[in-house]
Amino acid sequence: MLILKRFRFLFYLGLVVVFSLSVQITMPENTKSENINSETEKYGLIDKTGKYVVLPQFDYIDNFSEGLAFVVINNKSGYIDKTGKMVIPLQVDGGTSSFSEGLAAATIKGSNKLGYIDKTGNYVIKPKFDKAESFHEGVAAVVVNYKYGYINKLGNYVIQPQFEYSSRFEQDIAVVEVRHPHFHSQYGLIDKKGNYIVQPRFDQISHIDTYGPLDSLAEFKEGRMRVGMGGKICDMGGGVAGGKWGYIDQAGKLVISLKFDNVENFYNGRAIVFMSAPGFIDCDSRNAAKRGYINLSGEYIVTPKFDDAKNFSEGLAAVKIGKKWGYIDLSGKIVIPPQFSHDSQFSEGLVVASKNGLYGYIDKTGKFVIAPQFEEAGDFSEGLAATSKNGLCGYIDKTGKFVIAPQFEEAGDFSHGSANVTVNQKQGLIDKTGKYIIEPKFEGVWDFYEGLAQVRLNEKRGYIARTGKLITEIKFESARHFKGGVAIVSVK
């Protein structure tokens, strides 16, 4: 039995589909949709009444951007508007990405080079790049002979190709990678003139993984960016061990020195930092290190002494000593001594806590206001919390009274007055009185977007309104959320 944190069926399958004809047409890398089988599935558009705006006829439709969507049919690409009008006609050469700032990267027949087209389909920047990113803040990163540089909308270089990697600009700052002798890479920050804000002297910057920068942005959190020197990159998700981390500001100044074994981003003026025993280097150092908190000046709020630590929520943060969790306040004082077997964040003034294998709720003094009596318990949301007794889920109020009796196999948090529940392995939605908005008869129920939610039955999908009325037949192979009054669907 499981308490669910609201159903969110997300498909992150960045699609790269290559057709074999006289040109390669590459799907936009930022696509988020179901797998495509262009031989049997055809894509179209529906409106919020369920009527087709565009009959299913395309092998692929990308999400709309700036009023246009990239489409592919019979190995030819073009762009349509939300009425289905072919604004840029299908052709063997053509767009390969969504429009951004009025331009889209595009190829030309018989060439692997990329340029940019406008919304009439005309090349305004001729294809000559090996890779071409979307425009952002007036410039785009491009690659020539394996080196990154930047162009403006006239196609002129504003920064010559010279970097091993470069991000898009965000607030006039971009991350760049420079490779030194012996293939040692370091990272820095540049402005739009190519001047270094931060010389490429850091081994890690912002987030990193085994393959280099994890973000594609110069990511400042509350005016600070994580930077590191030394150490080694561990397996995917393992981070960096053996190096030292600190923070720079947006002027590139090292405002918090490189003295921590690892650091997290700032959140509400505080950041979690890690310190291991002297000489200790291991890819599991995040687990072995002690955690503490610093302020934006780098001063300790709490010196590293916790075995684990979480961000603050409603003025308190969960910290772990040994195998037990407790809570500290914003000054770092332990206000609820470590005594619980798991951590959770305060929500609506209460937090889940366990005792003798059962769950209840404590307030910010650590006092149980709802006695431990539940097999499982979720956070309070909109005044109610999903809990379970005898293997079934129901909802309690803040007095601990069941306002919706245990009767569900699974139960999610309330959001906008409704919650997802499961009965006999079928999903539906209830309101805060426990009345069904949508009877539990579906294999899946998604969140609402623009007043409609996707539902799935017998591996097919359709759309339903908040009233529970089925807006479309459940007949689509794939379906995306409504955006701007239309949704992309596919049928066989």
Protein backbone atom coordinates (compact mmCIF):
# COMPACT_ATOMS: atom_id res chain seq x y z
CA MET A 1 0.00 0.00 0.00
CA LEU A 2 1.32 3.40 -0.90
CA ILE A 3 0.51 6.99 -0.13
CA LEU A 4 0.96 8.84 -3.41
CA LYS A 5 2.21 12.42 -3.72
CA ARG A 6 -0.27 13.31 -6.44
CA PHE A 7 -0.07 11.51 -9.76
CA ARG A 8 2.31 13.09 -12.21
CA PHE A 9 2.98 10.97 -15.25
CA LEU A 10 5.92 12.72 -16.86
CA PHE A 11 7.65 11.52 -19.94
CA TYR A 12 11.20 12.80 -20.34
CA LEU A 13 12.33 10.96 -23.40
CA GLY A 14 14.27 13.64 -25.26
CA LEU A 15 13.62 12.34 -28.72
CA VAL A 16 16.19 12.29 -31.47
CA VAL A 17 14.70 10.74 -34.58
CA VAL A 18 16.74 10.48 -37.74
CA PHE A 19 15.11 9.81 -41.08
CA SER A 20 17.16 8.25 -43.88
CA LEU A 21 16.59 10.16 -47.10
CA SER A 22 18.72 12.81 -48.72
CA VAL A 23 18.91 14.78 -45.48
CA GLN A 24 18.89 14.12 -41.79
CA ILE A 25 16.01 15.74 -39.99
CA THR A 26 16.71 15.85 -36.27
CA MET A 27 13.89 16.16 -33.79
CA PRO A 28 14.19 19.04 -31.34
CA GLU A 29 16.23 17.93 -28.36
CA ASN A 30 13.87 19.54 -25.86
CA THR A 31 10.92 17.41 -26.96
CA LYS A 32 9.01 15.78 -24.10
CA SER A 33 6.53 13.25 -25.38
CA GLU A 34 5.83 9.58 -25.79
CA ASN A 35 7.86 7.37 -28.09
CA ILE A 36 7.03 7.87 -31.74
CA ASN A 37 6.31 5.11 -34.22
CA SER A 38 5.92 7.12 -37.40
CA GLU A 39 5.10 4.01 -39.46
CA THR A 40 1.84 3.43 -37.60
CA GLU A 41 1.07 6.55 -35.56
CA LYS A 42 -0.12 9.85 -36.97
CA TYR A 43 -0.22 13.10 -35.02
CA GLY A 44 -2.82 15.84 -35.06
CA LEU A 45 -4.31 18.61 -32.91
CA ILE A 46 -7.57 18.78 -30.97
CA ASP A 47 -9.31 21.71 -29.31
CA LYS A 48 -10.90 21.73 -25.85
CA THR A 49 -14.18 20.37 -27.19
CA GLY A 50 -12.32 17.31 -28.47
CA LYS A 51 -12.71 18.30 -32.13
CA TYR A 52 -9.81 17.96 -34.50
CA VAL A 53 -8.18 21.25 -35.40
CA VAL A 54 -5.70 19.29 -37.49
CA LEU A 55 -6.51 15.74 -38.56
CA PRO A 56 -3.87 13.12 -37.64
CA GLN A 57 -1.56 13.15 -40.64
CA PHE A 58 1.94 13.91 -39.37
CA ASP A 59 4.68 11.50 -38.36
CA TYR A 60 5.60 13.96 -35.64
CA ILE A 61 4.46 17.28 -34.16
CA ASP A 62 6.67 19.20 -31.77
CA ASN A 63 5.28 21.42 -29.03
CA PHE A 64 4.28 24.92 -30.15
CA SER A 65 6.76 27.73 -29.69
CA GLU A 66 6.09 31.32 -30.71
CA GLY A 67 2.87 30.20 -32.39
CA LEU A 68 4.44 27.55 -34.64
CA ALA A 69 5.10 23.84 -34.32
CA PHE A 70 7.71 21.79 -36.17
CA VAL A 71 6.09 18.87 -38.08
CA VAL A 72 7.40 15.92 -40.09
CA ILE A 73 5.61 13.87 -42.73
CA ASN A 74 7.16 11.45 -45.22
CA ASN A 75 10.67 12.60 -44.32
CA LYS A 76 9.84 16.24 -45.00
CA SER A 77 9.62 18.94 -42.39
CA GLY A 78 7.70 22.17 -42.05
CA TYR A 79 5.84 24.33 -39.54
CA ILE A 80 2.14 24.72 -38.78
CA ASP A 81 0.19 27.24 -36.73
CA LYS A 82 -2.53 26.35 -34.21
CA THR A 83 -5.19 26.34 -36.91
CA GLY A 84 -3.25 23.67 -38.77
CA LYS A 85 -2.22 26.02 -41.56
CA MET A 86 1.13 25.05 -43.10
CA VAL A 87 2.98 28.32 -42.56
CA ILE A 88 6.32 26.97 -43.76
CA PRO A 89 5.72 24.29 -46.42
CA LEU A 90 7.00 20.74 -46.13
CA GLN A 91 10.35 20.22 -47.76
CA VAL A 92 13.22 17.75 -47.58
CA ASP A 93 15.49 20.39 -46.16
CA GLY A 94 14.17 22.67 -43.47
CA GLY A 95 13.72 23.27 -39.79
CA THR A 96 15.12 21.03 -37.13
CA SER A 97 14.09 22.91 -34.00
CA SER A 98 11.47 25.12 -32.42
CA PHE A 99 11.40 28.85 -33.07
CA SER A 100 13.09 31.06 -30.53
CA GLU A 101 13.29 34.83 -30.87
CA GLY A 102 11.88 34.53 -34.40
CA LEU A 103 14.45 32.07 -35.75
CA ALA A 104 14.83 28.29 -35.94
CA ALA A 105 17.86 26.14 -36.72
CA ALA A 106 17.54 24.44 -40.11
CA THR A 107 19.44 22.20 -42.52
CA ILE A 108 19.74 22.35 -46.28
CA LYS A 109 19.26 19.40 -48.64
CA GLY A 110 22.36 17.28 -49.10
CA SER A 111 24.23 18.98 -46.28
CA ASN A 112 24.73 18.35 -42.60
CA LYS A 113 25.34 22.04 -41.98
CA LEU A 114 22.90 24.14 -39.99
CA GLY A 115 21.69 27.69 -40.43
CA TYR A 116 18.61 29.63 -39.34
CA ILE A 117 15.28 30.32 -41.01
CA ASP A 118 12.69 32.98 -40.22
CA LYS A 119 8.94 32.41 -39.96
CA THR A 120 8.53 32.62 -43.72
CA GLY A 121 10.92 29.69 -44.13
CA ASN A 122 13.67 31.79 -45.70
CA TYR A 123 17.26 31.36 -44.63
CA VAL A 124 18.40 34.51 -42.88
CA ILE A 125 21.61 32.84 -41.74
CA LYS A 126 22.99 30.39 -44.28
CA PRO A 127 23.82 26.82 -43.20
CA LYS A 128 27.48 26.66 -42.23
CA PHE A 129 27.50 25.37 -38.67
CA ASP A 130 28.07 21.84 -37.38
CA LYS A 131 25.69 22.49 -34.50
CA ALA A 132 23.32 25.38 -33.87
CA GLU A 133 21.51 26.12 -30.62
CA SER A 134 18.40 28.25 -30.18
CA PHE A 135 18.69 32.02 -29.87
CA HIS A 136 18.45 33.42 -26.37
CA GLU A 137 19.05 37.00 -25.29
CA GLY A 138 19.86 37.88 -28.90
CA VAL A 139 22.68 35.39 -29.47
CA ALA A 140 23.02 31.68 -30.22
CA ALA A 141 25.78 29.18 -29.48
CA VAL A 142 27.11 27.48 -32.62
CA VAL A 143 29.78 24.87 -33.30
CA VAL A 144 32.36 24.88 -36.09
CA ASN A 145 35.15 22.29 -36.20
CA TYR A 146 34.24 21.11 -32.70
CA LYS A 147 34.58 24.58 -31.19
CA TYR A 148 31.77 26.65 -29.66
CA GLY A 149 31.23 30.32 -30.38
CA TYR A 150 28.30 32.76 -30.57
CA ILE A 151 26.52 34.58 -33.39
CA ASN A 152 23.99 37.39 -33.52
CA LYS A 153 20.80 37.42 -35.58
CA LEU A 154 22.67 38.68 -38.61
CA GLY A 155 24.80 35.55 -38.51
CA ASN A 156 27.91 37.49 -37.54
CA TYR A 157 30.22 36.13 -34.89
CA VAL A 158 30.09 38.10 -31.67
CA ILE A 159 32.43 35.56 -30.07
CA GLN A 160 34.61 33.43 -32.33
CA PRO A 161 34.46 29.60 -31.98
CA GLN A 162 37.10 28.73 -29.38
CA PHE A 163 35.48 26.80 -26.53
CA GLU A 164 35.09 23.08 -25.91
CA TYR A 165 31.62 23.80 -24.58
CA SER A 166 29.50 26.87 -23.99
CA SER A 167 26.07 27.31 -22.48
CA ARG A 168 23.36 29.68 -23.60
CA PHE A 169 23.48 33.15 -22.08
CA GLU A 170 21.36 33.79 -19.03
CA GLN A 171 21.28 37.36 -17.70
CA ASP A 172 24.23 38.14 -20.01
CA ILE A 173 26.44 35.40 -18.54
CA ALA A 174 27.43 32.03 -20.04
CA VAL A 175 29.48 29.05 -18.84
CA VAL A 176 32.42 28.06 -21.05
CA GLU A 177 34.82 25.14 -21.01
CA VAL A 178 38.47 25.51 -22.00
CA ARG A 179 40.66 22.46 -22.48
CA HIS A 180 44.23 22.79 -21.29
CA PRO A 181 47.18 20.54 -22.22
CA HIS A 182 46.78 16.88 -21.30
CA PHE A 183 43.01 17.19 -21.88
CA HIS A 184 42.36 18.88 -18.57
CA SER A 185 39.22 21.02 -18.80
CA GLN A 186 38.34 23.99 -16.65
CA TYR A 187 35.30 26.25 -16.56
CA GLY A 188 34.74 29.97 -16.45
CA LEU A 189 32.13 32.63 -17.20
CA ILE A 190 32.01 35.12 -20.08
CA ASP A 191 29.93 38.15 -21.02
CA LYS A 192 28.42 38.79 -24.45
CA LYS A 193 31.57 40.45 -25.69
CA GLY A 194 33.57 37.34 -24.91
CA ASN A 195 35.31 38.95 -21.96
CA TYR A 196 35.96 36.69 -19.02
CA ILE A 197 33.96 37.48 -15.92
CA VAL A 198 35.61 34.43 -14.38
CA GLN A 199 38.74 33.01 -15.96
CA PRO A 200 38.48 29.28 -16.76
CA ARG A 201 40.19 28.15 -13.58
CA PHE A 202 37.58 26.00 -11.88
CA ASP A 203 37.39 22.24 -12.30
CA GLN A 204 33.70 22.26 -11.46
CA ILE A 205 31.11 24.98 -11.83
CA SER A 206 27.42 24.98 -10.97
CA HIS A 207 26.28 21.33 -11.22
CA ILE A 208 28.47 18.64 -12.76
CA ASP A 209 28.23 14.97 -13.51
CA THR A 210 30.54 12.36 -15.03
CA TYR A 211 30.32 14.01 -18.42
CA GLY A 212 30.76 17.65 -17.45
CA PRO A 213 28.29 20.45 -16.65
CA LEU A 214 24.87 19.13 -15.77
CA ASP A 215 23.07 22.43 -16.41
CA SER A 216 23.22 24.28 -19.66
CA LEU A 217 23.05 27.60 -17.78
CA ALA A 218 25.20 29.82 -15.63
CA GLU A 219 23.02 29.11 -12.63
CA PHE A 220 23.13 31.58 -9.77
CA LYS A 221 20.99 30.87 -6.75
CA GLU A 222 20.40 33.91 -4.55
CA GLY A 223 23.40 35.58 -6.17
CA ARG A 224 25.79 32.69 -5.59
CA MET A 225 27.16 29.96 -7.87
CA ARG A 226 28.86 26.75 -6.74
CA VAL A 227 32.48 26.35 -7.92
CA GLY A 228 35.07 23.67 -7.17
CA MET A 229 38.72 22.82 -7.62
CA GLY A 230 40.50 19.48 -7.57
CA GLY A 231 39.03 16.10 -6.75
CA LYS A 232 37.74 13.47 -9.11
CA ILE A 233 34.40 12.97 -10.79
CA CYS A 234 32.70 9.84 -9.55
CA ASP A 235 30.11 7.67 -11.22
CA MET A 236 26.92 9.25 -12.57
CA GLY A 237 25.16 10.83 -9.61
CA GLY A 238 28.20 10.39 -7.36
CA GLY A 239 29.36 13.97 -7.70
CA VAL A 240 32.94 15.01 -7.01
CA ALA A 241 35.17 13.68 -4.24
CA GLY A 242 38.43 15.02 -2.89
CA GLY A 243 38.07 18.59 -4.16
CA LYS A 244 37.12 21.82 -2.45
CA TRP A 245 34.04 23.92 -3.12
CA GLY A 246 32.99 27.50 -2.56
CA TYR A 247 30.87 30.21 -4.20
CA ILE A 248 31.32 33.10 -6.60
CA ASP A 249 29.02 36.09 -7.03
CA GLN A 250 27.70 37.46 -10.33
CA ALA A 251 30.73 39.70 -10.68
CA GLY A 252 32.88 36.58 -10.66
CA LYS A 253 34.40 37.31 -7.26
CA LEU A 254 35.11 34.34 -5.00
CA VAL A 255 32.96 35.44 -2.07
CA ILE A 256 33.04 32.16 -0.13
CA SER A 257 36.41 30.45 -0.26
CA LEU A 258 37.07 26.95 -1.55
CA LYS A 259 37.11 25.11 1.75
CA PHE A 260 34.19 22.70 1.71
CA ASP A 261 34.15 19.09 0.48
CA ASN A 262 30.83 19.74 -1.20
CA VAL A 263 28.16 22.42 -1.18
CA GLU A 264 24.54 22.77 -2.21
CA ASN A 265 22.73 25.75 -3.71
CA PHE A 266 21.50 28.52 -1.46
CA TYR A 267 17.88 28.36 -0.41
CA ASN A 268 16.28 31.14 1.64
CA GLY A 269 19.68 32.57 2.51
CA ARG A 270 21.19 29.31 3.69
CA ALA A 271 23.18 26.54 2.07
CA ILE A 272 24.10 23.04 3.22
CA VAL A 273 27.85 22.38 3.21
CA PHE A 274 29.82 19.15 3.63
CA MET A 275 33.04 18.47 5.52
CA SER A 276 34.80 15.09 5.76
CA ALA A 277 37.50 13.93 8.12
CA PRO A 278 40.99 15.19 7.12
CA GLY A 279 42.51 13.11 4.33
CA PHE A 280 39.27 11.29 3.60
CA ILE A 281 38.59 10.96 -0.13
CA ASP A 282 35.89 8.69 -1.41
CA CYS A 283 33.15 8.75 -4.01
CA ASP A 284 30.69 8.24 -1.17
CA SER A 285 31.97 11.31 0.64
CA ARG A 286 28.54 12.92 0.53
CA ASN A 287 27.36 10.08 2.73
CA ALA A 288 30.42 10.06 5.01
CA ALA A 289 30.76 13.84 5.36
CA LYS A 290 29.19 15.88 8.12
CA ARG A 291 26.67 18.56 7.13
CA GLY A 292 26.29 22.08 8.35
CA TYR A 293 24.75 25.38 7.21
CA ILE A 294 26.27 28.67 6.10
CA ASN A 295 24.79 32.08 5.31
CA LEU A 296 25.37 34.15 2.16
CA SER A 297 28.58 35.54 3.66
CA GLY A 298 29.96 32.05 4.17
CA GLU A 299 29.65 32.23 7.95
CA TYR A 300 28.58 29.10 9.76
CA ILE A 301 25.05 29.06 11.08
CA VAL A 302 25.75 25.52 12.23
CA THR A 303 29.19 23.91 11.93
CA PRO A 304 29.18 20.56 10.07
CA LYS A 305 28.09 18.00 12.65
CA PHE A 306 25.03 16.33 11.17
CA ASP A 307 25.02 13.00 9.33
CA ASP A 308 22.40 14.39 6.97
CA ALA A 309 20.56 17.68 6.59
CA LYS A 310 17.69 19.10 4.56
CA ASN A 311 16.62 22.56 3.44
CA PHE A 312 14.44 24.71 5.65
CA SER A 313 10.66 24.60 5.39
CA GLU A 314 8.39 26.84 7.45
CA GLY A 315 11.38 27.93 9.53
CA LEU A 316 12.66 24.47 10.45
CA ALA A 317 15.03 21.98 8.82
CA ALA A 318 15.35 18.24 9.34
CA VAL A 319 18.79 17.09 10.54
CA LYS A 320 20.12 13.62 11.27
CA ILE A 321 22.43 12.50 14.06
CA GLY A 322 23.28 8.83 13.93
CA LYS A 323 20.14 7.13 12.71
CA LYS A 324 17.64 9.61 14.13
CA TRP A 325 16.11 12.79 12.71
CA GLY A 326 15.24 15.99 14.52
CA TYR A 327 14.77 19.66 13.61
CA ILE A 328 16.71 22.90 13.95
CA ASP A 329 15.47 26.48 13.70
CA LEU A 330 16.91 29.27 11.55
CA SER A 331 19.57 30.05 14.15
CA GLY A 332 20.79 26.46 14.08
CA LYS A 333 19.39 25.60 17.50
CA ILE A 334 18.02 22.08 17.87
CA VAL A 335 14.37 22.66 18.76
CA ILE A 336 13.19 19.08 18.28
CA PRO A 337 15.84 16.56 19.41
CA PRO A 338 16.70 13.74 16.97
CA GLN A 339 14.37 10.86 17.80
CA PHE A 340 12.53 9.94 14.58
CA SER A 341 13.38 7.26 12.04
CA HIS A 342 12.71 9.34 8.93
CA ASP A 343 12.68 12.95 7.80
CA SER A 344 9.88 15.04 6.37
CA GLN A 345 9.23 18.73 5.78
CA PHE A 346 6.77 20.80 7.75
CA SER A 347 3.59 21.53 5.85
CA GLU A 348 0.77 23.68 7.18
CA GLY A 349 2.45 23.72 10.60
CA LEU A 350 2.72 19.96 11.06
CA VAL A 351 5.11 17.21 10.04
CA VAL A 352 4.86 13.43 9.89
CA ALA A 353 6.72 11.65 12.70
CA SER A 354 6.96 8.00 13.72
CA LYS A 355 6.97 6.18 17.02
CA ASN A 356 6.98 2.43 17.61
CA GLY A 357 6.45 1.79 13.90
CA LEU A 358 3.36 4.00 13.57
CA TYR A 359 2.99 7.51 12.19
CA GLY A 360 1.44 10.63 13.64
CA TYR A 361 2.02 14.37 13.43
CA ILE A 362 4.05 16.75 15.58
CA ASP A 363 3.95 20.53 15.81
CA LYS A 364 6.96 22.85 15.82
CA THR A 365 7.62 22.20 19.51
CA GLY A 366 7.99 18.48 18.82
CA LYS A 367 4.74 17.63 20.57
CA PHE A 368 2.51 14.96 19.03
CA VAL A 369 -0.75 16.73 18.21
CA ILE A 370 -2.00 13.67 16.33
CA ALA A 371 -0.91 10.49 18.08
CA PRO A 372 1.05 7.82 16.16
CA GLN A 373 -1.63 5.45 14.91
CA PHE A 374 -1.27 5.23 11.13
CA GLU A 375 0.55 2.68 9.00
CA GLU A 376 1.50 5.42 6.54
CA ALA A 377 0.98 9.15 6.46
CA GLY A 378 1.36 11.96 3.94
CA ASP A 379 1.85 15.70 4.28
CA PHE A 380 -1.04 18.05 4.96
CA SER A 381 -2.31 19.81 1.87
CA GLU A 382 -5.36 22.06 1.76
CA GLY A 383 -6.11 21.09 5.36
CA LEU A 384 -6.19 17.33 4.82
CA ALA A 385 -3.62 14.54 4.87
CA ALA A 386 -3.75 11.05 3.39
CA THR A 387 -3.19 8.34 5.99
CA SER A 388 -3.75 4.60 6.16
CA LYS A 389 -5.19 2.15 8.63
CA ASN A 390 -5.67 -1.58 8.15
CA GLY A 391 -4.22 -1.33 4.66
CA LEU A 392 -6.65 1.31 3.37
CA CYS A 393 -6.19 5.05 2.87
CA GLY A 394 -8.40 7.89 3.93
CA TYR A 395 -8.03 11.56 4.86
CA ILE A 396 -7.75 13.21 8.25
CA ASP A 397 -8.07 16.82 9.36
CA LYS A 398 -5.67 18.55 11.75
CA THR A 399 -7.43 17.12 14.79
CA GLY A 400 -6.61 13.63 13.52
CA LYS A 401 -10.23 12.85 12.74
CA PHE A 402 -11.02 10.94 9.56
CA VAL A 403 -13.14 13.22 7.39
CA ILE A 404 -12.94 10.74 4.50
CA ALA A 405 -12.98 7.19 5.81
CA PRO A 406 -10.22 4.72 4.84
CA GLN A 407 -11.44 3.02 1.68
CA PHE A 408 -8.77 3.55 -0.99
CA GLU A 409 -5.81 1.44 -2.00
CA GLU A 410 -3.79 4.56 -2.77
CA ALA A 411 -4.36 8.24 -2.10
CA GLY A 412 -2.65 11.44 -3.22
CA ASP A 413 -2.38 14.96 -1.86
CA PHE A 414 -5.21 17.42 -2.45
CA SER A 415 -4.54 20.09 -5.05
CA HIS A 416 -7.09 22.62 -6.30
CA GLY A 417 -9.78 20.82 -4.31
CA SER A 418 -9.27 17.32 -5.70
CA ALA A 419 -7.13 14.27 -4.96
CA ASN A 420 -6.23 11.19 -6.96
CA VAL A 421 -7.34 7.88 -5.42
CA THR A 422 -7.17 4.22 -6.42
CA VAL A 423 -9.86 1.57 -5.90
CA ASN A 424 -9.51 -1.94 -7.31
CA GLN A 425 -6.41 -0.77 -9.17
CA LYS A 426 -8.40 1.93 -10.97
CA GLN A 427 -7.86 5.64 -10.53
CA GLY A 428 -10.30 8.48 -10.07
CA LEU A 429 -10.63 11.87 -8.39
CA ILE A 430 -12.48 12.87 -5.23
CA ASP A 431 -13.39 16.25 -3.74
CA LYS A 432 -12.75 17.24 -0.12
CA THR A 433 -15.99 15.66 1.04
CA GLY A 434 -14.92 12.31 -0.42
CA LYS A 435 -17.41 12.54 -3.27
CA TYR A 436 -16.19 11.22 -6.60
CA ILE A 437 -15.54 13.87 -9.21
CA ILE A 438 -14.27 11.15 -11.52
CA GLU A 439 -15.24 7.56 -10.77
CA PRO A 440 -12.26 5.21 -10.27
CA LYS A 441 -12.30 3.45 -13.62
CA PHE A 442 -9.09 4.57 -15.31
CA GLU A 443 -5.59 3.13 -15.45
CA GLY A 444 -4.18 6.61 -15.10
CA VAL A 445 -5.35 10.15 -14.37
CA TRP A 446 -3.01 13.07 -15.06
CA ASP A 447 -3.04 16.56 -13.56
CA PHE A 448 -5.38 19.20 -14.98
CA TYR A 449 -4.08 21.68 -17.53
CA GLU A 450 -6.37 24.45 -18.76
CA GLY A 451 -9.28 22.66 -17.10
CA LEU A 452 -8.75 19.26 -18.72
CA ALA A 453 -6.87 16.15 -17.62
CA GLN A 454 -5.62 13.15 -19.53
CA VAL A 455 -7.02 9.75 -18.61
CA ARG A 456 -5.92 6.30 -19.74
CA LEU A 457 -7.97 3.14 -20.21
CA ASN A 458 -6.97 -0.02 -22.04
CA GLU A 459 -3.71 1.67 -23.04
CA LYS A 460 -5.61 4.46 -24.83
CA ARG A 461 -5.93 8.07 -23.75
CA GLY A 462 -8.55 10.76 -23.69
CA TYR A 463 -9.47 13.93 -21.82
CA ILE A 464 -11.83 14.62 -18.97
CA ALA A 465 -13.14 17.84 -17.36
CA ARG A 466 -13.11 18.66 -13.64
CA THR A 467 -16.81 17.84 -13.56
CA GLY A 468 -15.96 14.28 -14.55
CA LYS A 469 -17.40 14.69 -18.03
CA LEU A 470 -15.45 12.86 -20.72
CA ILE A 471 -14.55 15.45 -23.35
CA THR A 472 -13.12 13.05 -25.92
CA GLU A 473 -13.31 9.39 -26.69
CA ILE A 474 -10.52 7.38 -25.09
CA LYS A 475 -8.86 6.52 -28.37
CA PHE A 476 -5.46 8.20 -28.58
CA GLU A 477 -2.16 6.34 -28.59
CA SER A 478 -0.47 9.33 -27.00
CA ALA A 479 -1.65 12.68 -25.73
CA ARG A 480 -0.02 15.80 -24.34
CA HIS A 481 -1.29 18.44 -21.97
CA PHE A 482 -3.42 21.27 -23.32
CA LYS A 483 -1.52 24.47 -23.93
CA GLY A 484 -2.97 27.55 -25.57
CA GLY A 485 -6.28 25.78 -26.16
CA VAL A 486 -4.93 22.85 -28.18
CA ALA A 487 -3.38 19.46 -27.45
CA ILE A 488 -1.19 17.20 -29.57
CA VAL A 489 -2.54 13.65 -29.94
CA SER A 490 -1.73 10.59 -32.00
CA VAL A 491 -3.74 7.67 -33.36
CA LYS A 492 -2.96 4.50 -35.26
